[in-house]
Structure formats: structure tokens, C-alpha cells
Amino acid sequence: MDRPRQERNRFHLGISVPHNVAEVRIEAALAAGGSLNDRRAKAFWVLADADGNEACICTWQDR
């Protein structure tokens, strides 16, 4: 992390998917109300729900 967080995640998941599935999973999460940090795409995308709980969609690309 670049700087310490003031809030605390209840959980953080990392999910590895084939690179051709990643965009579909991300679109579904955004459609459900999630937010996206794509700074490290295509290696991984960080999704968060409304409470700030995070999940990473990971691929082997750009590692």
C-alpha cells in the first residue's frame, strides 16, 4: 500500500481468472454497484463494495 489506511477491510479476496474472463467479471461487479481501481491492470484489478471490502481479479498478464 502506498499509505496506511484509516479504515479496515473485513476481508480481501484475490481471484485468479483466465485473462479473457477478467473483463466480464469486472463488468458484473461494477453493474452490482462496485468500484474499480485499475492502476495495476492487466496483472490485477482491485474492486470494492460499498463498505470498502476489496477483491482482486488477477490474471497472468503484465506481471
Protein backbone atom coordinates (compact mmCIF):
# COMPACT_ATOMS: atom_id res chain seq x y z
CA MET A 1 0.00 0.00 0.00
CA ASP A 2 1.17 3.50 -0.75
CA ARG A 3 -0.09 4.90 2.57
CA PRO A 4 -1.69 3.37 5.69
CA ARG A 5 -5.47 3.17 5.71
CA GLN A 6 -7.62 4.66 8.42
CA GLU A 7 -10.46 2.20 7.79
CA ARG A 8 -10.18 -1.57 8.00
CA ASN A 9 -11.24 -4.19 5.47
CA ARG A 10 -13.33 -7.01 6.81
CA PHE A 11 -11.88 -9.23 4.08
CA HIS A 12 -9.83 -9.09 0.89
CA LEU A 13 -10.05 -11.77 -1.78
CA GLY A 14 -7.75 -12.44 -4.70
CA ILE A 15 -9.39 -14.38 -7.54
CA SER A 16 -7.34 -15.71 -10.46
CA VAL A 17 -9.21 -15.97 -13.74
CA PRO A 18 -8.22 -16.53 -17.36
CA HIS A 19 -7.40 -13.17 -18.99
CA ASN A 20 -10.34 -13.48 -21.38
CA VAL A 21 -12.79 -13.76 -18.45
CA ALA A 22 -11.50 -10.82 -16.38
CA GLU A 23 -13.45 -8.06 -18.15
CA VAL A 24 -16.75 -9.94 -17.84
CA ARG A 25 -16.20 -10.40 -14.09
CA ILE A 26 -15.26 -6.73 -13.65
CA GLU A 27 -18.30 -5.52 -15.62
CA ALA A 28 -20.57 -7.70 -13.45
CA ALA A 29 -19.07 -6.30 -10.25
CA LEU A 30 -19.45 -2.71 -11.45
CA ALA A 31 -23.05 -3.38 -12.52
CA ALA A 32 -23.73 -4.63 -8.98
CA GLY A 33 -22.53 -1.29 -7.55
CA GLY A 34 -18.82 -1.94 -7.03
CA SER A 35 -15.98 0.48 -7.66
CA LEU A 36 -12.76 -0.14 -9.56
CA ASN A 37 -9.06 0.67 -9.21
CA ASP A 38 -7.33 -0.41 -12.43
CA ARG A 39 -3.89 1.09 -11.75
CA ARG A 40 -2.21 -2.36 -11.98
CA ALA A 41 -4.31 -3.76 -14.86
CA LYS A 42 -3.83 -6.27 -16.58
CA ALA A 43 -1.96 -8.00 -13.77
CA PHE A 44 -4.90 -7.33 -11.43
CA TRP A 45 -7.86 -5.03 -10.87
CA VAL A 46 -9.00 -4.04 -7.38
CA LEU A 47 -12.77 -4.00 -6.91
CA ALA A 48 -14.51 -2.71 -3.79
CA ASP A 49 -18.04 -2.89 -2.48
CA ALA A 50 -19.91 -0.01 -0.83
CA ASP A 51 -18.35 -0.87 2.56
CA GLY A 52 -14.80 -0.77 1.16
CA ASN A 53 -14.25 -4.54 1.19
CA GLU A 54 -11.89 -5.41 -1.65
CA ALA A 55 -11.40 -8.24 -4.09
CA CYS A 56 -8.73 -8.52 -6.76
CA ILE A 57 -9.40 -10.03 -10.17
CA CYS A 58 -5.98 -11.40 -11.15
CA THR A 59 -4.55 -12.67 -14.44
CA TRP A 60 -1.08 -13.70 -15.58
CA GLN A 61 -0.83 -10.76 -18.00
CA ASP A 62 1.58 -7.85 -17.40
CA ARG A 63 3.29 -9.48 -14.44
